[in-house]
Amino acid sequence: MLTELTAAGRQLPPAFHEPVPSPDGRAIAGHYQDPDKNGERIVVLSTDPAAPERRFPDMRPNARWAPDGKSLIYHDRVNLFRQSVGGGVPAQITHFTGDTIFTFAMALDQKQLALVRGQVVSDVVLVTRKK
């Protein structure tokens, strides 16, 4: 799919990688390097080379296609959000107050959601040798 887009003249964003086609095959979401955000963000490319790309500089690069192909689902570590590929303000899906979302999946009918949440714990231990 990317080969066809670039052959048709589509320029890919800087460091574009991890392309994932939408469920209907009309678009590709992927990561790009955003120097203003000092990290990776999400861009959506239409399979129509004449259509403009849509960059989402505030969306974290953990986004996945919603089953309907009209939006992307992502998390801010604590809550899930739905962002329409047409733009606009993201809609908050969950309203958790703590723990970290490690991964998630949405049912094809979009009525159920599976989440893996928890806490990241790390300890530091200093070991010294007695003389």
C-alpha atoms as a PDB file:
ATOM      1  CA  MET A   1       0.000   0.000   0.000  1.00  0.00           C
ATOM      2  CA  LEU A   2       2.827   2.426   0.835  1.00  0.00           C
ATOM      3  CA  THR A   3       4.590   1.543  -2.394  1.00  0.00           C
ATOM      4  CA  GLU A   4       1.510   2.546  -4.378  1.00  0.00           C
ATOM      5  CA  LEU A   5       1.219   5.835  -2.466  1.00  0.00           C
ATOM      6  CA  THR A   6       4.838   6.851  -2.953  1.00  0.00           C
ATOM      7  CA  ALA A   7       4.722   5.795  -6.618  1.00  0.00           C
ATOM      8  CA  ALA A   8       1.695   8.081  -7.040  1.00  0.00           C
ATOM      9  CA  GLY A   9       3.706  10.997  -5.653  1.00  0.00           C
ATOM     10  CA  ARG A  10       2.754  10.945  -1.945  1.00  0.00           C
ATOM     11  CA  GLN A  11       5.562  12.295   0.242  1.00  0.00           C
ATOM     12  CA  LEU A  12       5.880  10.436   3.535  1.00  0.00           C
ATOM     13  CA  PRO A  13       6.425  12.431   6.759  1.00  0.00           C
ATOM     14  CA  PRO A  14       9.892  12.460   8.385  1.00  0.00           C
ATOM     15  CA  ALA A  15      10.898   9.048   9.763  1.00  0.00           C
ATOM     16  CA  PHE A  16       7.487   7.543   8.909  1.00  0.00           C
ATOM     17  CA  HIS A  17       7.210   3.996  10.262  1.00  0.00           C
ATOM     18  CA  GLU A  18       4.867   1.374  11.753  1.00  0.00           C
ATOM     19  CA  PRO A  19       2.155   1.843   9.114  1.00  0.00           C
ATOM     20  CA  VAL A  20      -1.220   0.237   9.878  1.00  0.00           C
ATOM     21  CA  PRO A  21      -4.032   0.259   7.319  1.00  0.00           C
ATOM     22  CA  SER A  22      -7.513   1.270   8.440  1.00  0.00           C
ATOM     23  CA  PRO A  23     -10.114  -1.508   8.672  1.00  0.00           C
ATOM     24  CA  ASP A  24     -11.725  -0.316   5.422  1.00  0.00           C
ATOM     25  CA  GLY A  25      -8.347   0.057   3.645  1.00  0.00           C
ATOM     26  CA  ARG A  26      -8.903   3.740   2.783  1.00  0.00           C
ATOM     27  CA  ALA A  27      -6.165   5.150   5.020  1.00  0.00           C
ATOM     28  CA  ILE A  28      -2.900   4.311   6.741  1.00  0.00           C
ATOM     29  CA  ALA A  29      -1.956   5.460  10.241  1.00  0.00           C
ATOM     30  CA  GLY A  30       1.676   5.542  11.237  1.00  0.00           C
ATOM     31  CA  HIS A  31       4.290   7.202  13.375  1.00  0.00           C
ATOM     32  CA  TYR A  32       6.349  10.202  12.342  1.00  0.00           C
ATOM     33  CA  GLN A  33       9.067  12.206  14.055  1.00  0.00           C
ATOM     34  CA  ASP A  34       7.777  15.571  15.322  1.00  0.00           C
ATOM     35  CA  PRO A  35      10.670  17.886  16.243  1.00  0.00           C
ATOM     36  CA  ASP A  36       8.298  20.377  17.927  1.00  0.00           C
ATOM     37  CA  LYS A  37       7.024  17.690  20.340  1.00  0.00           C
ATOM     38  CA  ASN A  38      10.477  16.113  20.617  1.00  0.00           C
ATOM     39  CA  GLY A  39       9.141  12.657  19.815  1.00  0.00           C
ATOM     40  CA  GLU A  40       6.914  10.459  17.728  1.00  0.00           C
ATOM     41  CA  ARG A  41       3.337  11.336  16.894  1.00  0.00           C
ATOM     42  CA  ILE A  42       0.580   9.944  14.632  1.00  0.00           C
ATOM     43  CA  VAL A  43      -0.203  10.814  11.022  1.00  0.00           C
ATOM     44  CA  VAL A  44      -3.045   9.463   8.862  1.00  0.00           C
ATOM     45  CA  LEU A  45      -2.490   9.195   5.119  1.00  0.00           C
ATOM     46  CA  SER A  46      -5.409   8.633   2.757  1.00  0.00           C
ATOM     47  CA  THR A  47      -4.911   6.029   0.065  1.00  0.00           C
ATOM     48  CA  ASP A  48      -5.989   8.797  -2.313  1.00  0.00           C
ATOM     49  CA  PRO A  49      -2.657  10.577  -2.997  1.00  0.00           C
ATOM     50  CA  ALA A  50      -4.488  13.851  -3.711  1.00  0.00           C
ATOM     51  CA  ALA A  51      -6.071  13.928  -0.218  1.00  0.00           C
ATOM     52  CA  PRO A  52      -4.132  15.832   2.451  1.00  0.00           C
ATOM     53  CA  GLU A  53      -2.390  14.022   5.286  1.00  0.00           C
ATOM     54  CA  ARG A  54      -3.722  14.538   8.793  1.00  0.00           C
ATOM     55  CA  ARG A  55      -1.158  14.997  11.550  1.00  0.00           C
ATOM     56  CA  PHE A  56      -2.092  14.631  15.189  1.00  0.00           C
ATOM     57  CA  PRO A  57       0.745  16.315  17.114  1.00  0.00           C
ATOM     58  CA  ASP A  58      -0.971  15.885  20.489  1.00  0.00           C
ATOM     59  CA  MET A  59      -1.771  12.185  20.064  1.00  0.00           C
ATOM     60  CA  ARG A  60       0.601   9.734  21.685  1.00  0.00           C
ATOM     61  CA  PRO A  61       2.064   7.085  19.363  1.00  0.00           C
ATOM     62  CA  ASN A  62       0.077   4.250  20.984  1.00  0.00           C
ATOM     63  CA  ALA A  63      -3.000   4.876  18.814  1.00  0.00           C
ATOM     64  CA  ARG A  64      -4.932   2.091  17.147  1.00  0.00           C
ATOM     65  CA  TRP A  65      -7.715   2.148  14.615  1.00  0.00           C
ATOM     66  CA  ALA A  66     -11.232   1.955  15.975  1.00  0.00           C
ATOM     67  CA  PRO A  67     -13.083  -0.946  14.329  1.00  0.00           C
ATOM     68  CA  ASP A  68     -15.191   1.466  12.249  1.00  0.00           C
ATOM     69  CA  GLY A  69     -12.073   3.034  10.670  1.00  0.00           C
ATOM     70  CA  LYS A  70     -13.366   6.546  11.342  1.00  0.00           C
ATOM     71  CA  SER A  71     -11.306   7.259  14.438  1.00  0.00           C
ATOM     72  CA  LEU A  72      -8.193   6.323  16.366  1.00  0.00           C
ATOM     73  CA  ILE A  73      -8.142   5.176  19.991  1.00  0.00           C
ATOM     74  CA  TYR A  74      -5.160   6.118  22.163  1.00  0.00           C
ATOM     75  CA  HIS A  75      -4.271   6.563  25.820  1.00  0.00           C
ATOM     76  CA  ASP A  76      -2.482   9.181  27.889  1.00  0.00           C
ATOM     77  CA  ARG A  77      -1.237   6.413  30.236  1.00  0.00           C
ATOM     78  CA  VAL A  78      -4.330   6.684  32.503  1.00  0.00           C
ATOM     79  CA  ASN A  79      -7.364   7.127  30.194  1.00  0.00           C
ATOM     80  CA  LEU A  80      -8.471   6.217  26.682  1.00  0.00           C
ATOM     81  CA  PHE A  81      -9.502   8.776  24.084  1.00  0.00           C
ATOM     82  CA  ARG A  82     -11.147   8.595  20.648  1.00  0.00           C
ATOM     83  CA  GLN A  83      -9.889  10.986  17.966  1.00  0.00           C
ATOM     84  CA  SER A  84     -11.843  11.352  14.740  1.00  0.00           C
ATOM     85  CA  VAL A  85      -9.570  11.133  11.705  1.00  0.00           C
ATOM     86  CA  GLY A  86     -11.487  14.137  10.408  1.00  0.00           C
ATOM     87  CA  GLY A  87     -10.055  16.219  13.246  1.00  0.00           C
ATOM     88  CA  GLY A  88     -11.716  17.956  16.159  1.00  0.00           C
ATOM     89  CA  VAL A  89     -11.398  17.512  19.889  1.00  0.00           C
ATOM     90  CA  PRO A  90     -10.711  13.971  21.170  1.00  0.00           C
ATOM     91  CA  ALA A  91     -13.482  12.342  23.217  1.00  0.00           C
ATOM     92  CA  GLN A  92     -12.499  10.756  26.533  1.00  0.00           C
ATOM     93  CA  ILE A  93     -13.683   7.135  26.707  1.00  0.00           C
ATOM     94  CA  THR A  94     -12.599   6.142  30.221  1.00  0.00           C
ATOM     95  CA  HIS A  95     -12.476   8.159  33.418  1.00  0.00           C
ATOM     96  CA  PHE A  96      -9.905   6.410  35.598  1.00  0.00           C
ATOM     97  CA  THR A  97      -8.032   8.287  38.314  1.00  0.00           C
ATOM     98  CA  GLY A  98      -4.941   6.117  38.601  1.00  0.00           C
ATOM     99  CA  ASP A  99      -2.884   3.162  37.379  1.00  0.00           C
ATOM    100  CA  THR A 100      -1.261   2.884  33.970  1.00  0.00           C
ATOM    101  CA  ILE A 101      -2.863   1.458  30.834  1.00  0.00           C
ATOM    102  CA  PHE A 102      -0.419  -1.047  29.368  1.00  0.00           C
ATOM    103  CA  THR A 103      -2.537  -2.239  26.435  1.00  0.00           C
ATOM    104  CA  PHE A 104      -6.113  -2.215  25.206  1.00  0.00           C
ATOM    105  CA  ALA A 105      -8.435  -3.600  22.552  1.00  0.00           C
ATOM    106  CA  MET A 106     -11.930  -2.689  21.435  1.00  0.00           C
ATOM    107  CA  ALA A 107     -14.563  -5.202  20.312  1.00  0.00           C
ATOM    108  CA  LEU A 108     -15.595  -5.045  16.662  1.00  0.00           C
ATOM    109  CA  ASP A 109     -19.070  -3.836  17.672  1.00  0.00           C
ATOM    110  CA  GLN A 110     -17.363  -1.116  19.790  1.00  0.00           C
ATOM    111  CA  LYS A 111     -19.544  -1.988  22.795  1.00  0.00           C
ATOM    112  CA  GLN A 112     -16.854  -3.673  24.872  1.00  0.00           C
ATOM    113  CA  LEU A 113     -13.327  -2.763  25.764  1.00  0.00           C
ATOM    114  CA  ALA A 114     -10.496  -4.862  27.181  1.00  0.00           C
ATOM    115  CA  LEU A 115      -7.737  -3.162  29.175  1.00  0.00           C
ATOM    116  CA  VAL A 116      -4.604  -4.234  30.976  1.00  0.00           C
ATOM    117  CA  ARG A 117      -3.895  -1.710  33.754  1.00  0.00           C
ATOM    118  CA  GLY A 118      -1.576  -1.649  36.711  1.00  0.00           C
ATOM    119  CA  GLN A 119       1.309   0.064  38.384  1.00  0.00           C
ATOM    120  CA  VAL A 120       4.952   0.204  37.474  1.00  0.00           C
ATOM    121  CA  VAL A 121       7.077  -0.401  40.523  1.00  0.00           C
ATOM    122  CA  SER A 122      10.830  -0.131  40.583  1.00  0.00           C
ATOM    123  CA  ASP A 123      13.172  -0.330  43.524  1.00  0.00           C
ATOM    124  CA  VAL A 124      16.762   0.693  43.814  1.00  0.00           C
ATOM    125  CA  VAL A 125      19.061  -1.237  46.105  1.00  0.00           C
ATOM    126  CA  LEU A 126      22.601  -0.208  46.994  1.00  0.00           C
ATOM    127  CA  VAL A 127      24.881  -3.124  47.835  1.00  0.00           C
ATOM    128  CA  THR A 128      28.183  -2.315  49.459  1.00  0.00           C
ATOM    129  CA  ARG A 129      30.953  -4.535  50.633  1.00  0.00           C
ATOM    130  CA  LYS A 130      31.993  -4.303  54.262  1.00  0.00           C
ATOM    131  CA  LYS A 131      35.697  -3.957  54.840  1.00  0.00           C
END
